[in-house]
Protein backbone atom coordinates (compact mmCIF):
# COMPACT_ATOMS: atom_id res chain seq x y z
CA MET A 1 -35.42 -13.24 -10.32
CA THR A 2 -36.09 -11.67 -6.94
CA THR A 3 -34.45 -12.84 -3.73
CA ILE A 4 -35.06 -11.03 -0.51
CA LYS A 5 -34.46 -11.29 3.18
CA ALA A 6 -37.47 -9.96 5.04
CA ASP A 7 -37.07 -8.18 8.32
CA LYS A 8 -40.58 -8.61 9.82
CA THR A 9 -41.57 -11.77 11.64
CA PRO A 10 -45.05 -11.70 13.25
CA GLY A 11 -45.11 -14.02 16.21
CA GLY A 12 -41.32 -14.13 16.31
CA THR A 13 -38.75 -16.81 15.47
CA PRO A 14 -36.05 -17.29 18.14
CA ALA A 15 -32.61 -16.31 16.92
CA ASP A 16 -31.04 -19.37 18.46
CA SER A 17 -33.29 -21.87 16.65
CA SER A 18 -31.27 -24.98 16.11
CA ILE A 19 -33.07 -26.84 13.30
CA THR A 20 -32.73 -25.19 9.90
CA VAL A 21 -35.43 -25.53 7.26
CA VAL A 22 -35.81 -24.91 3.50
CA ASP A 23 -39.37 -24.61 2.24
CA LEU A 24 -39.86 -25.46 -1.46
CA PHE A 25 -43.06 -24.52 -3.33
CA SER A 26 -43.65 -22.64 -0.10
CA GLY A 27 -46.79 -20.75 -1.05
CA ALA A 28 -47.82 -18.47 1.83
CA GLY A 29 -45.91 -20.62 4.28
CA GLY A 30 -48.48 -22.96 5.80
CA PHE A 31 -45.87 -25.69 6.28
CA SER A 32 -43.40 -23.26 7.85
CA ALA A 33 -46.15 -21.75 10.04
CA GLY A 34 -46.96 -25.24 11.31
CA PHE A 35 -43.33 -25.82 12.20
CA ARG A 36 -43.19 -22.48 13.97
CA ALA A 37 -46.37 -23.27 15.87
CA TYR A 38 -44.59 -26.24 17.49
CA GLU A 39 -43.32 -24.76 20.73
CA PRO A 40 -42.20 -27.53 23.03
CA ASP A 41 -41.16 -25.23 25.92
CA GLY A 42 -43.79 -22.52 25.62
CA PRO A 43 -44.40 -19.48 23.44
CA GLY A 44 -41.45 -18.45 21.28
CA THR A 45 -39.54 -21.69 21.70
CA SER A 46 -39.93 -23.27 18.27
CA PRO A 47 -36.67 -25.02 17.45
CA PHE A 48 -37.18 -24.56 13.72
CA ARG A 49 -35.74 -21.65 11.71
CA SER A 50 -36.59 -21.08 8.06
CA VAL A 51 -33.42 -20.14 6.16
CA ALA A 52 -34.73 -20.19 2.57
CA ALA A 53 -37.95 -20.50 0.62
CA VAL A 54 -38.66 -20.87 -3.10
CA GLU A 55 -42.02 -19.77 -4.52
CA PHE A 56 -42.92 -18.82 -8.10
CA ASP A 57 -46.07 -16.80 -7.33
CA GLU A 58 -45.04 -13.30 -6.37
CA ALA A 59 -47.95 -12.62 -4.05
CA ALA A 60 -47.45 -15.85 -2.19
CA ALA A 61 -43.70 -15.20 -1.99
CA ALA A 62 -44.40 -11.75 -0.57
CA THR A 63 -46.69 -13.28 2.04
CA TYR A 64 -44.00 -15.78 3.03
CA ALA A 65 -41.36 -13.02 3.25
CA ALA A 66 -43.64 -10.93 5.48
CA ASN A 67 -44.00 -13.69 8.00
CA PHE A 68 -40.61 -15.46 8.09
CA GLY A 69 -37.94 -12.86 8.56
CA SER A 70 -35.11 -15.33 8.93
CA ALA A 71 -35.61 -16.75 5.43
CA HIS A 72 -34.12 -15.70 2.10
CA VAL A 73 -37.11 -15.83 -0.25
CA ALA A 74 -36.51 -16.65 -3.93
CA ASN A 75 -39.45 -15.60 -6.11
CA VAL A 76 -38.32 -17.77 -9.07
CA ASP A 77 -39.07 -20.85 -11.03
CA ILE A 78 -37.53 -23.63 -8.93
CA ALA A 79 -35.83 -25.02 -12.04
CA THR A 80 -33.62 -21.90 -12.04
CA TRP A 81 -32.86 -21.90 -8.28
CA ASP A 82 -29.32 -22.82 -7.19
CA PRO A 83 -29.36 -24.71 -3.87
CA THR A 84 -25.56 -25.16 -3.63
CA PRO A 85 -25.03 -22.34 -1.03
CA TYR A 86 -27.17 -24.47 1.36
CA ALA A 87 -25.37 -27.78 0.73
CA GLY A 88 -24.71 -29.48 4.03
CA GLN A 89 -26.18 -26.58 5.97
CA VAL A 90 -29.88 -27.55 6.23
CA ASP A 91 -31.56 -30.05 8.53
CA VAL A 92 -34.99 -30.30 6.93
CA ILE A 93 -36.41 -29.67 3.45
CA MET A 94 -40.16 -29.62 3.10
CA GLY A 95 -42.61 -28.75 0.37
CA GLY A 96 -45.62 -29.64 -1.68
CA PRO A 97 -45.13 -29.47 -5.46
CA PRO A 98 -48.26 -28.22 -7.22
CA CYS A 99 -50.66 -31.10 -7.18
CA GLN A 100 -53.54 -30.22 -9.52
CA GLY A 101 -52.33 -32.71 -12.12
CA PHE A 102 -52.87 -35.51 -9.59
CA SER A 103 -56.16 -34.17 -8.32
CA ALA A 104 -59.23 -36.38 -8.33
CA LEU A 105 -61.11 -33.31 -9.63
CA HIS A 106 -59.48 -33.96 -13.06
CA ARG A 107 -59.60 -37.71 -13.26
CA ASN A 108 -62.53 -37.69 -15.70
CA ASN A 109 -61.35 -34.68 -17.74
CA PRO A 110 -59.43 -35.81 -20.86
CA GLU A 111 -58.33 -32.19 -21.47
CA LYS A 112 -56.36 -32.29 -18.15
CA PRO A 113 -54.29 -35.48 -18.31
CA LYS A 114 -52.79 -36.64 -15.03
CA THR A 115 -49.44 -38.10 -16.08
CA ASP A 116 -48.53 -35.54 -18.75
CA ASP A 117 -49.35 -32.47 -16.70
CA PRO A 118 -46.06 -30.47 -16.36
CA ARG A 119 -46.92 -29.71 -12.75
CA ASN A 120 -46.47 -33.41 -11.98
CA ARG A 121 -42.82 -33.12 -13.08
CA LEU A 122 -41.99 -30.47 -10.48
CA TRP A 123 -41.36 -33.23 -7.96
CA ALA A 124 -38.13 -33.92 -9.92
CA GLU A 125 -36.94 -30.38 -9.10
CA TYR A 126 -37.64 -31.13 -5.47
CA VAL A 127 -35.45 -34.22 -5.79
CA ARG A 128 -32.70 -32.18 -7.43
CA VAL A 129 -32.61 -29.76 -4.49
CA VAL A 130 -32.58 -32.61 -1.95
CA ARG A 131 -29.74 -34.32 -3.79
CA THR A 132 -27.67 -31.11 -3.65
CA ILE A 133 -28.43 -30.02 -0.06
CA GLN A 134 -28.53 -33.52 1.55
CA PRO A 135 -30.79 -32.60 4.54
CA LYS A 136 -31.18 -35.00 7.45
CA ILE A 137 -34.93 -35.31 6.71
CA PHE A 138 -37.16 -34.25 3.83
CA VAL A 139 -40.95 -34.16 3.75
CA LEU A 140 -43.04 -34.10 0.59
CA GLU A 141 -46.74 -33.30 0.77
CA ASN A 142 -49.30 -33.87 -2.01
CA VAL A 143 -52.82 -35.02 -2.72
CA ASP A 144 -53.55 -38.60 -1.68
CA ARG A 145 -53.54 -39.85 -5.28
CA PHE A 146 -49.82 -39.00 -5.54
CA LEU A 147 -49.03 -42.32 -3.85
CA THR A 148 -50.46 -44.22 -6.82
CA SER A 149 -48.73 -42.08 -9.45
CA GLN A 150 -45.81 -42.81 -11.72
CA GLU A 151 -44.00 -39.90 -10.13
CA PHE A 152 -44.14 -41.53 -6.68
CA GLN A 153 -42.90 -44.77 -8.19
CA SER A 154 -39.97 -42.82 -9.64
CA LEU A 155 -39.28 -41.33 -6.23
CA GLN A 156 -39.14 -44.82 -4.77
CA GLU A 157 -36.70 -45.77 -7.44
CA ALA A 158 -34.57 -42.72 -6.58
CA VAL A 159 -34.12 -43.99 -2.98
CA SER A 160 -33.43 -47.61 -4.03
CA GLU A 161 -29.90 -48.93 -4.41
CA GLY A 162 -28.05 -47.01 -7.13
CA GLY A 163 -30.63 -44.19 -7.17
CA ASP A 164 -29.92 -40.48 -6.78
CA LEU A 165 -31.26 -40.56 -3.21
CA SER A 166 -30.15 -44.04 -2.19
CA ASN A 167 -28.87 -42.75 1.12
CA TYR A 168 -32.48 -42.07 2.27
CA THR A 169 -35.30 -44.31 3.48
CA LEU A 170 -38.88 -43.39 2.67
CA ARG A 171 -42.02 -43.68 4.76
CA SER A 172 -45.33 -42.74 3.08
CA ASP A 173 -48.87 -42.52 4.38
CA ILE A 174 -52.14 -40.66 3.88
CA LEU A 175 -52.92 -38.42 6.83
CA ASN A 176 -56.19 -36.68 7.59
CA ALA A 177 -55.66 -33.23 9.07
CA ALA A 178 -58.75 -33.71 11.28
CA ASP A 179 -56.90 -36.50 13.07
CA TYR A 180 -54.47 -33.86 14.33
CA GLY A 181 -56.90 -31.30 15.70
CA VAL A 182 -57.55 -29.36 12.49
CA PRO A 183 -61.21 -28.37 11.93
CA GLN A 184 -61.01 -29.72 8.37
CA ALA A 185 -61.22 -33.29 6.96
CA ARG A 186 -58.32 -32.91 4.51
CA ARG A 187 -56.54 -36.04 3.36
CA ARG A 188 -52.96 -35.55 2.17
CA ALA A 189 -50.16 -37.88 1.09
CA ILE A 190 -47.15 -37.26 3.36
CA VAL A 191 -43.81 -38.78 2.35
CA ILE A 192 -41.06 -38.61 4.99
CA ALA A 193 -37.47 -39.53 4.07
CA THR A 194 -34.72 -40.00 6.67
CA ARG A 195 -31.05 -39.99 5.79
CA ASN A 196 -29.68 -43.40 6.51
CA ASP A 197 -26.80 -42.24 8.70
CA LEU A 198 -29.38 -41.12 11.28
CA GLY A 199 -30.39 -44.72 11.93
CA GLU A 200 -34.06 -45.72 12.30
CA PRO A 201 -36.23 -43.94 9.76
CA LEU A 202 -38.72 -41.43 11.04
CA GLU A 203 -42.33 -42.66 11.26
CA HIS A 204 -45.46 -40.50 10.80
CA PRO A 205 -47.04 -38.85 13.79
CA ARG A 206 -49.71 -40.74 15.59
CA PRO A 207 -53.19 -39.19 15.43
CA THR A 208 -54.29 -37.24 18.48
CA HIS A 209 -57.97 -36.95 17.46
CA THR A 210 -60.52 -39.37 16.12
CA ARG A 211 -63.91 -39.36 14.47
CA ASP A 212 -64.87 -42.44 16.47
CA THR A 213 -64.62 -41.87 20.23
CA THR A 214 -66.00 -45.24 21.30
CA THR A 215 -63.99 -47.41 23.66
CA SER A 216 -62.92 -49.79 20.89
CA ALA A 217 -61.58 -46.90 18.86
CA GLN A 218 -59.81 -45.45 21.87
CA ALA A 219 -57.81 -48.64 22.25
CA ARG A 220 -55.97 -47.83 19.03
CA PHE A 221 -54.51 -44.80 20.81
CA ALA A 222 -52.70 -46.80 23.51
CA GLU A 223 -49.03 -45.93 23.89
CA GLU A 224 -46.33 -48.51 23.18
CA GLU A 225 -45.89 -49.39 26.87
CA GLY A 226 -49.55 -50.02 27.34
CA THR A 227 -50.50 -46.67 28.80
CA PHE A 228 -54.02 -45.75 27.79
CA VAL A 229 -54.22 -42.37 26.10
CA GLU A 230 -57.61 -40.90 25.43
CA ALA A 231 -57.90 -39.54 21.91
CA LEU A 232 -59.82 -36.32 21.53
CA PRO A 233 -62.88 -36.05 19.24
CA TRP A 234 -62.53 -34.26 15.90
CA VAL A 235 -62.70 -30.49 16.26
CA SER A 236 -65.77 -28.71 14.87
CA VAL A 237 -65.79 -25.65 12.67
CA GLN A 238 -68.26 -24.01 15.07
CA SER A 239 -65.93 -23.95 18.07
CA GLU A 240 -62.72 -23.20 16.20
CA VAL A 241 -64.01 -20.88 13.47
CA PHE A 242 -67.54 -19.58 13.53
CA ASP A 243 -67.57 -18.75 17.24
CA LEU A 244 -64.73 -16.39 16.38
CA THR A 245 -66.38 -14.80 13.33
CA PRO A 246 -67.19 -11.07 13.65
CA ALA A 247 -70.90 -10.33 13.92
CA GLU A 248 -70.87 -7.69 11.22
CA THR A 249 -71.61 -8.38 7.57
CA PRO A 250 -68.46 -9.28 5.62
CA SER A 251 -66.90 -6.56 3.53
CA VAL A 252 -66.80 -6.94 -0.24
CA ASP A 253 -63.31 -5.47 -0.70
CA LEU A 254 -59.98 -5.51 1.08
CA PRO A 255 -58.73 -2.28 2.61
CA GLU A 256 -56.83 -0.09 0.14
CA ARG A 257 -53.19 -0.62 1.13
CA THR A 258 -50.08 -1.46 -0.86
CA ASP A 259 -46.42 -2.29 -0.29
CA LYS A 260 -43.61 -3.63 -2.47
CA PRO A 261 -41.78 -6.34 -0.51
CA LEU A 262 -40.44 -7.89 -3.75
CA GLY A 263 -39.93 -4.63 -5.59
CA VAL A 264 -43.38 -4.88 -7.20
CA VAL A 265 -46.31 -3.04 -5.72
CA LEU A 266 -48.87 -5.48 -4.30
CA PRO A 267 -52.03 -5.10 -2.24
CA GLY A 268 -51.30 -5.57 1.49
CA PRO A 269 -50.11 -6.46 3.93
CA TYR A 270 -53.34 -7.57 5.62
CA ARG A 271 -53.67 -9.36 8.94
CA THR A 272 -55.74 -12.52 9.00
CA THR A 273 -58.39 -10.64 11.01
CA GLU A 274 -58.83 -8.21 8.08
CA LEU A 275 -59.81 -10.96 5.72
CA HIS A 276 -63.51 -11.10 6.73
CA ILE A 277 -64.45 -10.44 3.10
CA GLY A 278 -66.78 -12.13 0.68
CA ARG A 279 -68.47 -11.93 -2.68
CA ASN A 280 -71.19 -9.57 -3.77
CA PRO A 281 -73.78 -12.29 -4.60
CA THR A 282 -76.45 -11.93 -7.26
CA ASP A 283 -80.12 -11.91 -6.26
CA LEU A 284 -80.39 -15.45 -7.72
CA SER A 285 -77.53 -16.67 -5.54
CA LEU A 286 -79.08 -15.06 -2.44
CA ALA A 287 -82.40 -16.70 -3.17
CA ARG A 288 -80.64 -20.07 -3.44
CA TYR A 289 -78.80 -19.57 -0.14
CA ARG A 290 -82.07 -18.76 1.66
CA VAL A 291 -83.70 -22.00 0.54
CA ILE A 292 -80.86 -24.37 1.53
CA PRO A 293 -81.44 -25.63 5.09
CA ARG A 294 -78.82 -26.54 7.67
CA GLY A 295 -76.65 -29.32 6.31
CA GLY A 296 -78.43 -29.03 2.92
CA ASN A 297 -77.04 -28.74 -0.60
CA ARG A 298 -78.03 -28.33 -4.26
CA HIS A 299 -80.61 -31.12 -4.03
CA ASP A 300 -82.72 -28.80 -1.83
CA LEU A 301 -83.15 -26.46 -4.77
CA THR A 302 -84.94 -28.98 -6.96
CA GLY A 303 -88.48 -27.83 -7.70
CA LYS A 304 -88.04 -24.53 -5.85
CA PHE A 305 -88.86 -21.10 -7.27
CA ALA A 306 -88.43 -17.54 -6.04
CA ASN A 307 -89.77 -14.22 -7.15
CA ILE A 308 -86.78 -12.16 -8.30
CA HIS A 309 -87.60 -8.64 -9.49
CA GLY A 310 -91.14 -9.73 -10.30
CA VAL A 311 -90.08 -12.82 -12.26
CA GLU A 312 -90.77 -16.33 -11.00
CA THR A 313 -87.31 -17.87 -11.24
CA TYR A 314 -86.30 -21.56 -10.95
CA LEU A 315 -83.59 -21.93 -8.33
CA SER A 316 -82.02 -25.15 -9.51
CA THR A 317 -80.44 -25.87 -12.90
CA THR A 318 -81.13 -28.50 -15.52
CA SER A 319 -77.65 -29.91 -14.99
CA TRP A 320 -78.09 -30.24 -11.23
CA ASP A 321 -81.55 -31.80 -11.64
CA LYS A 322 -80.18 -34.40 -14.11
CA HIS A 323 -77.47 -35.49 -11.68
CA LYS A 324 -79.36 -37.25 -8.92
CA THR A 325 -76.16 -38.87 -7.60
CA GLY A 326 -72.60 -37.56 -7.36
CA SER A 327 -71.27 -34.85 -5.07
CA GLY A 328 -73.66 -33.66 -2.46
CA ASP A 329 -71.30 -30.86 -1.47
CA VAL A 330 -72.20 -28.44 -4.29
CA MET A 331 -74.10 -25.48 -2.83
CA GLY A 332 -73.80 -27.21 0.54
CA ARG A 333 -73.86 -25.71 4.01
CA MET A 334 -71.03 -26.69 6.33
CA HIS A 335 -72.04 -28.87 9.27
CA ALA A 336 -71.36 -26.76 12.37
CA ASP A 337 -70.58 -29.77 14.57
CA ARG A 338 -68.03 -31.33 12.21
CA PRO A 339 -64.73 -30.45 10.60
CA ALA A 340 -65.04 -28.62 7.28
CA VAL A 341 -64.58 -30.29 3.94
CA THR A 342 -61.25 -29.69 2.18
CA ILE A 343 -60.65 -25.96 1.75
CA ARG A 344 -59.70 -25.46 -1.88
CA THR A 345 -58.62 -22.29 -3.69
CA GLU A 346 -62.15 -21.21 -4.64
CA PHE A 347 -63.79 -21.73 -1.28
CA TYR A 348 -65.67 -18.44 -1.78
CA LYS A 349 -67.78 -20.11 -4.52
CA PRO A 350 -70.46 -22.45 -2.98
CA GLU A 351 -71.10 -23.86 -6.43
CA LYS A 352 -67.64 -25.48 -6.03
CA GLY A 353 -68.34 -27.30 -2.81
CA ARG A 354 -69.79 -27.26 0.72
CA TYR A 355 -68.70 -23.72 1.43
CA LEU A 356 -71.88 -22.03 2.65
CA HIS A 357 -71.91 -20.79 6.25
CA PRO A 358 -73.72 -23.25 8.56
CA THR A 359 -76.51 -20.74 9.34
CA HIS A 360 -75.88 -17.45 7.56
CA ASP A 361 -76.97 -17.00 3.94
CA ARG A 362 -73.49 -16.48 2.51
CA PRO A 363 -70.33 -18.40 1.59
CA ILE A 364 -67.52 -18.56 4.14
CA THR A 365 -65.14 -15.59 4.14
CA HIS A 366 -61.37 -15.54 3.61
CA TYR A 367 -60.99 -15.04 7.34
CA GLU A 368 -63.01 -18.13 8.12
CA ALA A 369 -61.15 -20.20 5.56
CA ALA A 370 -57.82 -19.06 7.05
CA LEU A 371 -59.02 -20.06 10.49
CA ILE A 372 -60.09 -23.49 9.19
CA GLN A 373 -56.53 -23.88 7.87
CA GLY A 374 -55.16 -22.76 11.27
CA PHE A 375 -53.45 -19.54 10.33
CA PRO A 376 -52.84 -17.20 13.32
CA SER A 377 -54.60 -13.87 13.61
CA ASP A 378 -51.33 -11.86 13.20
CA PHE A 379 -50.29 -13.64 9.95
CA GLN A 380 -49.75 -11.10 7.17
CA TRP A 381 -51.01 -11.53 3.64
CA PHE A 382 -50.17 -9.93 0.30
CA GLY A 383 -52.23 -10.03 -2.88
CA SER A 384 -55.67 -9.57 -4.33
CA LYS A 385 -58.77 -11.39 -3.01
CA VAL A 386 -58.25 -14.16 -5.53
CA GLN A 387 -54.53 -14.42 -4.89
CA ILE A 388 -54.96 -14.63 -1.11
CA ALA A 389 -57.73 -17.23 -1.51
CA ARG A 390 -55.34 -19.31 -3.59
CA GLN A 391 -52.70 -19.03 -0.90
CA ILE A 392 -55.15 -20.12 1.80
CA GLY A 393 -56.48 -23.08 -0.18
CA ASN A 394 -53.07 -24.36 -1.27
CA ALA A 395 -51.55 -24.25 2.21
CA VAL A 396 -50.69 -27.23 4.39
CA PRO A 397 -52.95 -26.98 7.47
CA ILE A 398 -51.05 -25.49 10.39
CA GLY A 399 -52.04 -28.31 12.77
CA LEU A 400 -50.77 -31.00 10.40
CA GLY A 401 -47.47 -29.20 9.95
CA LYS A 402 -47.18 -28.83 13.73
CA ALA A 403 -47.67 -32.59 14.19
CA LEU A 404 -44.94 -33.33 11.67
CA ALA A 405 -42.67 -30.79 13.35
CA ARG A 406 -43.06 -32.54 16.66
CA VAL A 407 -41.94 -35.96 15.47
CA ILE A 408 -39.09 -34.45 13.44
CA HIS A 409 -37.85 -32.47 16.45
CA GLU A 410 -38.06 -35.51 18.71
CA ARG A 411 -36.21 -37.66 16.18
CA LEU A 412 -33.40 -35.14 15.60
CA GLU A 413 -33.03 -34.51 19.33
CA ARG A 414 -32.73 -38.23 19.93
C-alpha cells in the first residue's frame, strides 16, 4: 500500500477552496481536472479541492499525485481502503468504476460475460465508501449500458427505503460529451445522488452545444423563464486539436526521464505537450494509410494492392472483405469538421477504430488524444506509452466534468 501527499500542482488549486472532493477509481484525474477547470470567478478560482484519491494502477496514481497536490493519493485496491478518516468531512465523491464488463465491445463475446465480470462488482466498493463518508452529493460515471445492468438496479435498491443509501435520491441520464463543448462524441451514463437533507435533488447539466443548430432545435435551449439562449454547434477536432498539432513528425519514443513519486521508479513526468508520439508503422500499414481518403475507412482498401519491397500486396484482409456491414470506423480517418469518435485506450491503433489523422497518413498521437479529452498543456503524466494511453482513454472528458462541477457548485451554494 502506498499513500502519498504530492506537493506539485500544475495550474494551481486555491488553498481556500471550500468544496472538498474524494475521487474514487481516479485514474489520471480527468474528473478532478474537470472540476478544477470550473472557475466561476476567473483563473485560479475553482471552488473544488481534492482531498483524497484512490487508484489501483500505480502509473495513473502517480499522474494524479503529480497534478493534485492537495490530495492524499492511495495506490491500493479500493476494497482495502479505509474511508473512515473522511467521514462527515467530504462534500462530493465522484468516480467511474472500471466499465469494460459493461462495454458494448464485449456484448457478443461469450468469453467476457457482462454480469459475472468482477469489474462490474467494484461499484459495490464505491457504495461502501459513500455509506461511510456520507457526502452531500456523489456522482458515478460509467458506459451508457450501465443503466440497464443488474448493478444499476442494485444501486437503485440501495437508495430505496431501507437500503444502505436510503438518505439519497438518484438522478440518472446518458450525457454526450459533445453536448458540453468537448470535441468528442462520447456517451456516458452519469448518476447523480443528492443527500435528502439538502432538499431538491440535483439535476443534470443542460447541454450547451448541439449537433442540430436549426431554429427548431434551438428552441430546446430556452431558459426556464422563456429567455432564448442560442446553443453553440458541436466543436470540431480540427479547431480544438489538429490546429494545435506541431508540424513536425511525431516521435516514436517518450523522452528518457524518470521519477519515483510513489516510491517506484516510473517514466516521467511528461507534460501533455511532450506526448506528440506515435507508433513506428509497418510498410503495409503505411500503404493502407495512403490509400484511405478523407473520411474513409477499411472499405476503401477492398480490391486495392500496393508494391511493398517488390511484392504486390493486397491491402485489405479476408476478414474485412467478408464483413460488408458492421463498424465503418475500423481504419477510419477522423472527420475534421466533427467531434472525434470515443477515445478508447488503444486510440493509437487505427485497426481499433476511426483513429487516423484527418489528412496525415498516421494515427493520432497521444498529444492529440489528450487534447480531444480536454487535458491542459501543463498536465503531467507518468508511465510508459501504453500506460499513458490507457490513462487518456479511461478519463472522463474535462469539459463534461466541468459541466457537472458547475451544477454541483451552484446547488451547494444555493
